[in-house]
Amino acid sequence: MEALEEKIRIVVREELKKFEEDFFIRFRFESLPPVNDEEQRDIEKLYGDELLGKDETDIAYTSKLKI
């Protein structure tokens, strides 16, 4: 019976950890200031070449997230 309780505790801890990670990621996205399309293009123009210096390892792209 103790082994079963320990397995349940492990599963609950893992699920709470996943929930916490998802919650904080969402919180970070929601607390970011909005950037309009023109500002995003300016940012990519300024820093895009620097980020794409190593095509194999660095990738810069724009994505719209709906939360």
N, C-alpha and C. Protein backbone atom coordinates (compact mmCIF):
# COMPACT_ATOMS: atom_id res chain seq x y z
N MET A 1 0.81 -1.19 0.00
CA MET A 1 0.00 0.00 0.00
C MET A 1 0.86 1.26 0.00
N GLU A 2 1.99 1.23 0.72
CA GLU A 2 2.87 2.39 0.78
C GLU A 2 3.50 2.69 -0.58
N ALA A 3 3.81 1.65 -1.35
CA ALA A 3 4.39 1.85 -2.67
C ALA A 3 3.39 2.56 -3.59
N LEU A 4 2.13 2.20 -3.50
CA LEU A 4 1.09 2.83 -4.29
C LEU A 4 0.94 4.31 -3.91
N GLU A 5 0.95 4.60 -2.62
CA GLU A 5 0.85 5.98 -2.16
C GLU A 5 2.03 6.80 -2.65
N GLU A 6 3.21 6.24 -2.63
CA GLU A 6 4.40 6.95 -3.11
C GLU A 6 4.30 7.22 -4.61
N LYS A 7 3.80 6.26 -5.37
CA LYS A 7 3.62 6.47 -6.81
C LYS A 7 2.61 7.58 -7.07
N ILE A 8 1.55 7.60 -6.28
CA ILE A 8 0.54 8.65 -6.44
C ILE A 8 1.16 10.01 -6.11
N ARG A 9 1.94 10.07 -5.06
CA ARG A 9 2.61 11.34 -4.69
C ARG A 9 3.54 11.82 -5.82
N ILE A 10 4.26 10.90 -6.40
CA ILE A 10 5.17 11.26 -7.50
C ILE A 10 4.40 11.81 -8.68
N VAL A 11 3.31 11.14 -9.05
CA VAL A 11 2.50 11.59 -10.18
C VAL A 11 1.90 12.97 -9.89
N VAL A 12 1.39 13.16 -8.69
CA VAL A 12 0.80 14.45 -8.32
C VAL A 12 1.86 15.55 -8.35
N ARG A 13 3.05 15.28 -7.83
CA ARG A 13 4.14 16.27 -7.86
C ARG A 13 4.50 16.65 -9.29
N GLU A 14 4.60 15.64 -10.16
CA GLU A 14 4.96 15.91 -11.56
C GLU A 14 3.88 16.75 -12.24
N GLU A 15 2.62 16.42 -12.01
CA GLU A 15 1.52 17.18 -12.62
C GLU A 15 1.47 18.61 -12.09
N LEU A 16 1.71 18.79 -10.81
CA LEU A 16 1.75 20.15 -10.25
C LEU A 16 2.91 20.95 -10.82
N LYS A 17 4.04 20.30 -11.01
CA LYS A 17 5.20 20.98 -11.60
C LYS A 17 4.89 21.41 -13.03
N LYS A 18 4.25 20.53 -13.82
CA LYS A 18 3.87 20.90 -15.19
C LYS A 18 2.89 22.06 -15.19
N PHE A 19 1.90 22.00 -14.29
CA PHE A 19 0.92 23.08 -14.21
C PHE A 19 1.61 24.40 -13.86
N GLU A 20 2.51 24.35 -12.90
CA GLU A 20 3.22 25.55 -12.48
C GLU A 20 4.03 26.14 -13.64
N GLU A 21 4.73 25.30 -14.38
CA GLU A 21 5.52 25.78 -15.51
C GLU A 21 4.62 26.43 -16.55
N ASP A 22 3.51 25.77 -16.90
CA ASP A 22 2.58 26.32 -17.88
C ASP A 22 1.99 27.64 -17.39
N PHE A 23 1.65 27.70 -16.12
CA PHE A 23 1.07 28.91 -15.56
C PHE A 23 2.05 30.08 -15.66
N PHE A 24 3.31 29.86 -15.28
CA PHE A 24 4.28 30.95 -15.31
C PHE A 24 4.64 31.36 -16.72
N ILE A 25 4.67 30.42 -17.65
CA ILE A 25 4.91 30.78 -19.05
C ILE A 25 3.77 31.66 -19.55
N ARG A 26 2.55 31.26 -19.26
CA ARG A 26 1.40 32.06 -19.67
C ARG A 26 1.43 33.43 -19.00
N PHE A 27 1.77 33.48 -17.73
CA PHE A 27 1.85 34.74 -17.00
C PHE A 27 2.88 35.67 -17.64
N ARG A 28 4.02 35.12 -18.03
CA ARG A 28 5.06 35.95 -18.67
C ARG A 28 4.56 36.52 -19.98
N PHE A 29 3.89 35.69 -20.80
CA PHE A 29 3.36 36.18 -22.07
C PHE A 29 2.31 37.26 -21.85
N GLU A 30 1.46 37.08 -20.87
CA GLU A 30 0.40 38.06 -20.63
C GLU A 30 0.96 39.37 -20.07
N SER A 31 2.10 39.33 -19.42
CA SER A 31 2.66 40.55 -18.85
C SER A 31 3.58 41.29 -19.83
N LEU A 32 3.83 40.72 -21.00
CA LEU A 32 4.64 41.41 -22.00
C LEU A 32 3.85 42.55 -22.61
N PRO A 33 4.51 43.65 -22.89
CA PRO A 33 3.79 44.75 -23.55
C PRO A 33 3.48 44.36 -25.00
N PRO A 34 2.36 44.82 -25.51
CA PRO A 34 2.01 44.47 -26.89
C PRO A 34 2.96 45.13 -27.89
N VAL A 35 3.25 44.43 -28.96
CA VAL A 35 4.10 44.95 -30.03
C VAL A 35 3.30 44.85 -31.31
N ASN A 36 3.12 45.99 -31.99
CA ASN A 36 2.36 45.94 -33.23
C ASN A 36 3.25 45.42 -34.37
N ASP A 37 2.65 45.17 -35.51
CA ASP A 37 3.37 44.57 -36.63
C ASP A 37 4.53 45.43 -37.10
N GLU A 38 4.35 46.74 -37.13
CA GLU A 38 5.43 47.63 -37.58
C GLU A 38 6.62 47.58 -36.62
N GLU A 39 6.35 47.61 -35.32
CA GLU A 39 7.42 47.52 -34.33
C GLU A 39 8.15 46.18 -34.44
N GLN A 40 7.40 45.10 -34.68
CA GLN A 40 8.01 43.79 -34.82
C GLN A 40 8.93 43.74 -36.04
N ARG A 41 8.51 44.33 -37.14
CA ARG A 41 9.37 44.37 -38.34
C ARG A 41 10.65 45.16 -38.06
N ASP A 42 10.52 46.28 -37.33
CA ASP A 42 11.70 47.07 -36.98
C ASP A 42 12.67 46.27 -36.11
N ILE A 43 12.13 45.54 -35.15
CA ILE A 43 12.97 44.71 -34.28
C ILE A 43 13.69 43.65 -35.10
N GLU A 44 12.96 43.00 -35.99
CA GLU A 44 13.58 41.96 -36.82
C GLU A 44 14.61 42.55 -37.77
N LYS A 45 14.36 43.76 -38.25
CA LYS A 45 15.31 44.43 -39.14
C LYS A 45 16.60 44.75 -38.39
N LEU A 46 16.46 45.22 -37.15
CA LEU A 46 17.63 45.59 -36.35
C LEU A 46 18.45 44.39 -35.89
N TYR A 47 17.77 43.34 -35.44
CA TYR A 47 18.46 42.23 -34.80
C TYR A 47 18.41 40.92 -35.58
N GLY A 48 17.70 40.88 -36.68
CA GLY A 48 17.53 39.65 -37.44
C GLY A 48 18.83 39.07 -37.95
N ASP A 49 19.69 39.91 -38.55
CA ASP A 49 20.97 39.42 -39.09
C ASP A 49 21.85 38.87 -37.98
N GLU A 50 21.85 39.54 -36.85
CA GLU A 50 22.66 39.09 -35.71
C GLU A 50 22.17 37.73 -35.21
N LEU A 51 20.88 37.56 -35.16
CA LEU A 51 20.32 36.30 -34.68
C LEU A 51 20.51 35.17 -35.68
N LEU A 52 20.56 35.51 -36.96
CA LEU A 52 20.67 34.47 -37.98
C LEU A 52 22.12 34.26 -38.42
N GLY A 53 23.07 34.62 -37.60
CA GLY A 53 24.47 34.44 -37.94
C GLY A 53 24.84 33.00 -38.20
N LYS A 54 24.26 32.09 -37.45
CA LYS A 54 24.53 30.66 -37.61
C LYS A 54 23.20 29.98 -37.96
N ASP A 55 22.97 29.78 -39.24
CA ASP A 55 21.69 29.23 -39.67
C ASP A 55 21.38 27.88 -39.05
N GLU A 56 22.41 27.11 -38.76
CA GLU A 56 22.18 25.77 -38.22
C GLU A 56 21.64 25.81 -36.80
N THR A 57 22.04 26.83 -36.03
CA THR A 57 21.68 26.86 -34.62
C THR A 57 20.73 27.99 -34.23
N ASP A 58 20.76 29.10 -34.95
CA ASP A 58 19.94 30.25 -34.58
C ASP A 58 18.78 30.42 -35.56
N ILE A 59 17.62 30.62 -35.00
CA ILE A 59 16.44 30.83 -35.83
C ILE A 59 15.66 31.99 -35.22
N ALA A 60 15.31 32.96 -36.04
CA ALA A 60 14.47 34.06 -35.60
C ALA A 60 13.22 34.08 -36.46
N TYR A 61 12.08 34.18 -35.85
CA TYR A 61 10.85 34.22 -36.61
C TYR A 61 9.78 34.95 -35.81
N THR A 62 8.75 35.33 -36.50
CA THR A 62 7.64 36.02 -35.87
C THR A 62 6.47 35.05 -35.78
N SER A 63 5.81 35.07 -34.66
CA SER A 63 4.59 34.28 -34.53
C SER A 63 3.61 35.08 -33.70
N LYS A 64 2.35 34.93 -34.03
CA LYS A 64 1.30 35.61 -33.27
C LYS A 64 0.68 34.58 -32.34
N LEU A 65 0.67 34.91 -31.07
CA LEU A 65 0.11 34.02 -30.06
C LEU A 65 -1.23 34.57 -29.61
N LYS A 66 -2.19 33.71 -29.55
CA LYS A 66 -3.51 34.10 -29.04
C LYS A 66 -3.73 33.38 -27.73
N ILE A 67 -3.81 34.15 -26.66
CA ILE A 67 -3.97 33.56 -25.33
C ILE A 67 -5.33 33.93 -24.79
